[in-house]
Protein backbone atom coordinates (compact mmCIF):
# COMPACT_ATOMS: atom_id res chain seq x y z
CA MET A 1 -44.03 -7.53 -12.75
CA LYS A 2 -40.78 -4.93 -13.28
CA LEU A 3 -37.66 -6.35 -11.83
CA THR A 4 -37.62 -3.17 -9.53
CA SER A 5 -40.99 -4.35 -8.02
CA ILE A 6 -39.53 -7.75 -7.41
CA PHE A 7 -36.40 -6.53 -5.41
CA SER A 8 -38.85 -4.25 -3.34
CA ILE A 9 -40.96 -7.46 -2.40
CA PHE A 10 -37.95 -9.18 -1.58
CA LEU A 11 -36.11 -6.64 0.54
CA THR A 12 -39.75 -5.96 2.53
CA ILE A 13 -39.49 -9.82 3.16
CA LEU A 14 -36.01 -9.82 4.39
CA MET A 15 -36.48 -7.04 6.79
CA PHE A 16 -38.90 -9.30 8.40
CA THR A 17 -37.14 -12.33 8.35
CA THR A 18 -33.62 -11.29 8.71
CA PRO A 19 -32.36 -11.14 12.42
CA CYS A 20 -30.54 -7.90 13.08
CA ARG A 21 -29.56 -5.04 15.14
CA ALA A 22 -31.75 -2.62 15.49
CA ILE A 23 -31.79 0.68 13.03
CA GLN A 24 -29.91 3.84 14.00
CA THR A 25 -32.76 6.49 14.00
CA PRO A 26 -31.29 9.48 15.91
CA ILE A 27 -29.53 11.63 13.15
CA TYR A 28 -25.66 10.66 13.70
CA THR A 29 -23.98 14.05 15.00
CA TYR A 30 -19.97 14.51 15.50
CA GLU A 31 -20.72 14.06 19.37
CA SER A 32 -22.92 11.22 18.83
CA LEU A 33 -20.41 9.18 16.25
CA THR A 34 -17.50 10.61 18.62
CA LYS A 35 -19.54 8.87 21.78
CA GLU A 36 -20.29 5.89 19.96
CA LEU A 37 -16.74 4.94 18.75
CA ARG A 38 -15.41 5.43 22.23
CA GLN A 39 -17.68 2.84 23.33
CA LEU A 40 -16.53 0.84 20.54
CA ALA A 41 -13.08 0.77 20.98
CA SER A 42 -13.03 -1.79 24.24
CA LYS A 43 -13.93 -4.79 22.00
CA ASP A 44 -11.13 -6.85 21.27
CA GLU A 45 -12.28 -6.67 17.15
CA ILE A 46 -11.98 -3.04 16.74
CA GLU A 47 -9.65 -0.28 17.07
CA VAL A 48 -10.30 3.19 16.55
CA LYS A 49 -7.89 5.47 15.68
CA ILE A 50 -7.83 9.53 14.75
CA ILE A 51 -6.20 9.83 11.28
CA GLY A 52 -6.25 13.66 10.88
CA LYS A 53 -8.27 16.78 11.81
CA SER A 54 -10.35 18.39 10.31
CA GLU A 55 -10.49 22.17 9.63
CA PHE A 56 -12.40 23.29 12.64
CA ASP A 57 -10.24 20.97 14.92
CA ARG A 58 -12.64 18.14 15.21
CA ASN A 59 -11.35 14.48 15.25
CA LEU A 60 -11.43 12.19 12.02
CA TYR A 61 -11.83 8.88 13.17
CA ALA A 62 -11.47 5.41 11.50
CA VAL A 63 -12.49 2.21 12.53
CA LYS A 64 -10.90 -1.35 11.97
CA LEU A 65 -12.77 -4.56 11.90
CA GLY A 66 -10.42 -7.93 12.27
CA HIS A 67 -6.96 -8.70 12.49
CA GLY A 68 -6.20 -9.40 9.16
CA LYS A 69 -3.03 -8.72 7.26
CA LYS A 70 -4.91 -6.98 3.95
CA ASN A 71 -7.00 -4.04 4.09
CA VAL A 72 -9.91 -2.76 2.88
CA LEU A 73 -11.45 0.63 3.08
CA ILE A 74 -15.18 1.95 3.38
CA THR A 75 -15.51 5.96 3.79
CA GLY A 76 -18.59 8.10 4.34
CA SER A 77 -20.08 11.62 4.42
CA HIS A 78 -17.47 12.89 2.19
CA HIS A 79 -20.13 15.68 1.88
CA GLY A 80 -22.18 17.53 4.80
CA ARG A 81 -25.34 16.48 3.49
CA GLU A 82 -24.49 12.83 2.78
CA TRP A 83 -24.61 11.68 6.95
CA LEU A 84 -26.83 8.88 5.62
CA SER A 85 -24.10 7.28 4.59
CA THR A 86 -22.36 7.70 8.07
CA HIS A 87 -25.66 5.22 9.59
CA ILE A 88 -25.06 2.66 7.01
CA ILE A 89 -21.09 2.26 7.99
CA MET A 90 -22.51 2.46 11.67
CA ASN A 91 -24.49 -0.58 11.11
CA MET A 92 -22.21 -2.26 9.38
CA ILE A 93 -19.85 -2.24 12.20
CA HIS A 94 -22.11 -3.12 14.98
CA THR A 95 -23.71 -5.83 13.42
CA TYR A 96 -20.41 -7.23 11.55
CA VAL A 97 -19.26 -7.30 15.29
CA ASP A 98 -22.17 -8.99 16.65
CA ALA A 99 -22.18 -11.98 14.49
CA TYR A 100 -18.54 -12.32 14.90
CA GLN A 101 -18.79 -12.56 18.31
CA SER A 102 -21.68 -15.10 18.07
CA LYS A 103 -20.02 -16.89 15.49
CA ASP A 104 -23.44 -16.77 13.52
CA SER A 105 -22.89 -15.77 9.39
CA LEU A 106 -24.52 -13.39 7.91
CA ARG A 107 -27.30 -14.16 4.60
CA GLY A 108 -24.44 -16.91 4.40
CA HIS A 109 -21.21 -15.29 4.66
CA SER A 110 -18.62 -16.06 6.94
CA LEU A 111 -17.43 -13.29 9.70
CA ASN A 112 -13.83 -15.16 9.86
CA ILE A 113 -13.23 -13.22 6.46
CA VAL A 114 -11.95 -10.09 8.69
CA ASP A 115 -9.46 -12.98 10.31
CA ARG A 116 -7.86 -12.65 7.17
CA VAL A 117 -8.82 -9.20 5.95
CA SER A 118 -9.47 -6.42 7.78
CA ILE A 119 -12.12 -3.79 7.13
CA TRP A 120 -11.71 -0.38 7.75
CA PHE A 121 -14.18 2.33 8.20
CA VAL A 122 -14.01 6.27 8.13
CA PRO A 123 -17.69 7.09 9.44
CA MET A 124 -17.30 10.84 8.66
CA VAL A 125 -14.74 12.53 6.87
CA ASN A 126 -16.53 15.80 6.79
CA PRO A 127 -17.44 16.63 10.17
CA ASP A 128 -17.50 20.48 10.13
CA GLY A 129 -19.62 19.90 6.52
CA VAL A 130 -21.69 17.69 8.58
CA THR A 131 -22.36 19.88 11.63
CA ILE A 132 -22.90 23.01 9.80
CA GLN A 133 -25.52 20.78 7.35
CA GLN A 134 -26.99 19.35 9.95
CA LYS A 135 -27.10 22.51 13.10
CA GLY A 136 -26.73 25.55 10.76
CA VAL A 137 -24.22 28.30 11.83
CA ASN A 138 -25.75 30.12 14.99
CA GLU A 139 -22.98 28.47 17.38
CA LEU A 140 -20.25 29.69 15.82
CA PRO A 141 -18.53 32.79 16.30
CA TYR A 142 -19.99 35.72 14.37
CA VAL A 143 -17.46 36.63 11.93
CA LEU A 144 -17.91 32.49 10.68
CA GLN A 145 -20.78 32.91 10.83
CA GLU A 146 -21.04 35.87 8.28
CA ILE A 147 -18.42 34.16 6.05
CA LEU A 148 -20.52 30.75 5.91
CA PHE A 149 -23.68 32.89 4.70
CA ASP A 150 -21.50 34.30 1.90
CA MET A 151 -20.15 30.81 0.77
CA ASN A 152 -23.83 29.64 1.38
CA ASN A 153 -24.98 32.27 -1.17
CA GLY A 154 -27.09 34.29 0.98
CA ASP A 155 -29.33 31.80 2.65
CA GLU A 156 -29.50 31.35 5.88
CA ASN A 157 -31.18 27.41 5.35
CA TYR A 158 -27.70 25.22 5.09
CA LYS A 159 -29.82 21.85 4.38
CA ARG A 160 -27.74 22.20 1.03
CA TRP A 161 -24.42 22.19 2.39
CA LYS A 162 -22.36 20.10 1.16
CA ALA A 163 -18.39 21.41 1.59
CA ASN A 164 -16.09 21.54 4.50
CA GLY A 165 -16.16 24.03 6.85
CA LEU A 166 -13.62 26.17 4.54
CA GLY A 167 -16.02 25.88 1.73
CA VAL A 168 -13.86 23.40 0.08
CA ASP A 169 -15.73 20.37 -1.78
CA LEU A 170 -13.97 17.06 -0.37
CA ASN A 171 -14.39 14.97 -3.11
CA ARG A 172 -13.17 17.70 -5.81
CA GLN A 173 -9.64 17.31 -3.87
CA TYR A 174 -8.03 14.63 -5.11
CA PRO A 175 -4.44 14.55 -7.57
CA ALA A 176 -6.35 12.60 -10.03
CA GLY A 177 -7.65 14.92 -13.46
CA TRP A 178 -8.38 17.82 -10.36
CA GLU A 179 -6.63 20.35 -13.16
CA THR A 180 -9.66 19.40 -15.62
CA ILE A 181 -12.70 19.68 -13.05
CA GLN A 182 -15.33 21.68 -14.56
CA GLY A 183 -18.03 23.65 -13.37
CA SER A 184 -15.64 24.61 -9.82
CA PRO A 185 -16.68 27.95 -8.51
CA ARG A 186 -14.30 30.45 -8.45
CA ASN A 187 -14.32 31.06 -4.46
CA ALA A 188 -15.24 29.06 -1.39
CA CYS A 189 -19.29 27.56 -1.53
CA TYR A 190 -21.15 25.59 -0.09
CA SER A 191 -20.41 23.22 -3.14
CA HIS A 192 -18.50 21.86 -6.03
CA TYR A 193 -15.08 24.39 -4.80
CA LYS A 194 -12.62 22.31 -6.03
CA GLY A 195 -9.56 24.28 -3.55
CA LYS A 196 -6.92 25.95 -4.63
CA ASN A 197 -4.64 23.17 -4.98
CA PRO A 198 -5.17 19.02 -4.64
CA LEU A 199 -5.07 17.72 -1.40
CA GLU A 200 -5.02 21.39 0.79
CA ALA A 201 -7.96 20.80 2.75
CA LYS A 202 -6.78 18.86 5.55
CA GLU A 203 -9.81 16.36 5.66
CA ALA A 204 -8.39 15.08 2.24
CA ARG A 205 -5.12 15.17 3.08
CA ALA A 206 -5.39 13.25 5.95
CA LEU A 207 -7.94 10.94 4.19
CA ALA A 208 -5.10 10.00 1.10
CA THR A 209 -2.56 9.60 3.84
CA PHE A 210 -4.57 6.98 5.84
CA THR A 211 -4.90 5.47 2.74
CA ASN A 212 -1.42 5.41 1.81
CA GLU A 213 -0.72 3.95 5.12
CA ILE A 214 -3.00 1.09 4.99
CA ASN A 215 -2.25 -0.08 1.32
CA PRO A 216 -5.68 -1.04 0.73
CA MET A 217 -6.90 -3.76 -1.75
CA ALA A 218 -9.97 -2.32 -2.65
CA SER A 219 -11.98 0.72 -1.34
CA LEU A 220 -15.49 2.00 -1.04
CA ALA A 221 -16.82 5.30 -0.83
CA TYR A 222 -20.44 6.00 0.28
CA HIS A 223 -22.11 9.10 -1.04
CA THR A 224 -25.83 10.10 -1.62
CA SER A 225 -28.20 10.23 -3.63
CA GLY A 226 -29.29 7.79 -6.90
CA ARG A 227 -28.93 4.77 -5.99
CA GLU A 228 -25.81 4.24 -8.72
CA ILE A 229 -22.30 2.85 -8.41
CA TYR A 230 -19.61 4.42 -9.92
CA TRP A 231 -16.35 2.44 -10.60
CA TYR A 232 -14.43 3.81 -13.51
CA TYR A 233 -11.85 6.31 -13.92
CA TYR A 234 -9.37 5.23 -16.71
CA ASN A 235 -9.24 1.61 -15.47
CA GLU A 236 -6.38 -0.07 -16.59
CA LEU A 237 -7.18 -2.74 -19.23
CA ASP A 238 -5.86 -5.53 -17.65
CA ASN A 239 -8.22 -4.65 -14.54
CA LEU A 240 -11.60 -3.82 -16.34
CA GLU A 241 -12.57 -7.71 -15.84
CA ARG A 242 -11.34 -7.61 -12.36
CA ASP A 243 -13.33 -4.85 -11.33
CA LEU A 244 -16.55 -5.74 -13.60
CA LEU A 245 -16.89 -8.18 -11.42
CA LEU A 246 -16.98 -6.66 -8.25
CA VAL A 247 -19.43 -4.20 -9.25
CA ASP A 248 -21.85 -6.61 -10.94
CA THR A 249 -21.79 -8.34 -7.57
CA ILE A 250 -22.29 -5.29 -5.77
CA SER A 251 -24.98 -4.64 -8.30
CA THR A 252 -26.71 -7.72 -7.78
CA VAL A 253 -26.98 -7.86 -4.15
CA THR A 254 -27.62 -3.84 -3.77
CA GLY A 255 -30.04 -3.58 -6.56
CA TYR A 256 -28.23 -0.33 -7.87
CA ASP A 257 -27.52 1.05 -11.44
CA ILE A 258 -24.03 0.43 -12.72
CA ALA A 259 -22.85 3.80 -14.28
CA TYR A 260 -20.89 4.26 -17.30
CA PRO A 261 -20.18 8.01 -17.01
CA PRO A 262 -18.50 9.25 -20.30
CA ALA A 263 -14.88 9.81 -22.04
CA THR A 264 -14.81 13.15 -21.36
CA ALA A 265 -15.22 12.56 -17.74
CA PHE A 266 -13.39 14.41 -15.48
CA GLY A 267 -11.75 13.39 -12.12
CA GLY A 268 -10.80 15.22 -8.52
CA GLY A 269 -13.08 12.02 -6.64
CA TYR A 270 -11.62 10.18 -3.97
CA THR A 271 -12.02 6.86 -5.89
CA ASP A 272 -10.92 7.89 -8.88
CA TRP A 273 -7.64 8.77 -7.11
CA PHE A 274 -7.53 5.21 -5.48
CA ILE A 275 -7.73 3.59 -9.02
CA LYS A 276 -5.45 5.58 -10.45
CA THR A 277 -2.74 5.46 -7.41
CA PHE A 278 -3.29 1.94 -6.22
CA LYS A 279 -4.67 0.30 -9.81
CA LYS A 280 -7.12 -1.75 -7.21
CA PRO A 281 -10.80 -1.57 -7.98
CA ALA A 282 -12.48 1.63 -5.86
CA LEU A 283 -16.44 2.10 -5.96
CA THR A 284 -18.82 5.16 -5.24
CA LEU A 285 -22.04 3.86 -3.81
CA GLU A 286 -24.69 6.47 -3.68
CA LEU A 287 -27.40 5.74 -1.59
CA SER A 288 -31.22 6.26 -1.62
CA TYR A 289 -33.88 7.71 -4.54
CA LEU A 290 -32.44 10.74 -5.61
CA VAL A 291 -33.08 14.21 -3.54
CA GLU A 292 -32.04 17.48 -4.72
CA GLU A 293 -29.63 19.87 -2.67
CA THR A 294 -30.12 18.08 0.88
CA ASN A 295 -30.29 14.95 3.03
CA PRO A 296 -32.04 11.80 2.62
CA PRO A 297 -34.66 11.49 5.02
CA LEU A 298 -33.95 8.79 7.78
CA SER A 299 -37.55 7.21 6.54
CA VAL A 300 -35.38 5.79 3.65
CA LEU A 301 -32.60 4.21 6.29
CA ARG A 302 -33.94 0.80 6.60
CA GLU A 303 -34.63 0.05 2.90
CA GLU A 304 -31.02 1.14 2.17
CA TRP A 305 -29.11 -1.11 4.97
CA GLU A 306 -31.00 -3.78 3.91
CA ARG A 307 -29.53 -3.18 0.55
CA ASN A 308 -26.16 -2.50 1.66
CA LYS A 309 -25.80 -4.82 4.42
CA GLU A 310 -23.26 -7.50 2.83
CA VAL A 311 -21.50 -4.91 1.02
CA GLY A 312 -18.40 -4.54 3.54
CA LEU A 313 -18.22 -8.43 3.33
CA LEU A 314 -18.57 -8.45 -0.55
CA LEU A 315 -15.95 -6.11 -0.58
CA ALA A 316 -13.37 -8.21 1.68
CA GLU A 317 -14.11 -11.89 0.46
CA PHE A 318 -13.24 -10.08 -3.42
CA ALA A 319 -10.38 -9.02 -2.00
CA ASP A 320 -9.58 -12.32 0.26
CA SER A 321 -10.37 -14.26 -3.51
CA TYR A 322 -9.28 -12.18 -6.10
CA LEU A 323 -6.17 -9.31 -5.18
CA ASP A 324 -2.86 -9.74 -3.84
CA GLU A 325 -0.77 -7.62 -1.73
CA ASP A 326 1.36 -5.93 -3.88
CA ARG A 327 1.09 -2.67 -4.78
CA GLU A 328 0.99 -2.19 -8.44
CA SER A 329 2.08 1.24 -8.64
CA THR A 330 3.88 4.28 -7.31
CA ASN A 331 2.16 6.32 -5.23
CA GLU A 332 1.45 10.20 -6.27
């Protein structure tokens, strides 16, 4: 029997034998996320803060779980069509809080880890892009509708939309190899436009500023799709063994393949910038089986959640065991 078949059977067993919070199935919109975060803010273990604004003036929220002095950071929905990542993050927050309050372990992991390492989440980096992808543009001013229609190459279907509200691809906005990015359109577009300058997009600038403020020991960015883990951006030789240990651990738990980019790979992504700036491990996890230029269906959520339920705790445990609090580089 193939390893992938064994892993699928194992996940099916877990779904019916592991107690867990009910999976969130309605689509997370910016509005429903905001409402839920306001409710979560009343919990003692949770801190919710606004770290910036989107180009269309939507709030960018960060959620802190725990009271540890060290921090790790998990982000989602850098891209409009990748809001499945918001579902994973919100399920993670609820499940971890419930387990902490009831003093339960989760698959053998003690939630006391958040007393030493706080887990920060940014569930929706790109609320404008998510809203455009989910709802289209009919509710926007007519002039803006025309502009976005042009950015979408004359297509009235916005299900492929990745960019922010101004047509900038946020995960091509970070100052790590930005100048070498290939395949960027010359003008704002639904996908892949890197912008005129790094960190010109409000959302990317806000996340970079926030990351510098909390100085995470490790970071993980959820994207879709393909069930792969990207982790390498010219990591320093002294850090390779350390970083691979984390990657191997998360790959084993999720069943995702470890991607090894070519030597000519360009940067611009958030995790590229994090690795270069902080000299700490950063991973990009691609959720779901591969889909082309759209969002993965909600039907895949349960399996992806079972694959990723432990990931936040693994990140915190790794920071607690293998990473010190001293910054090894100067931020750019």
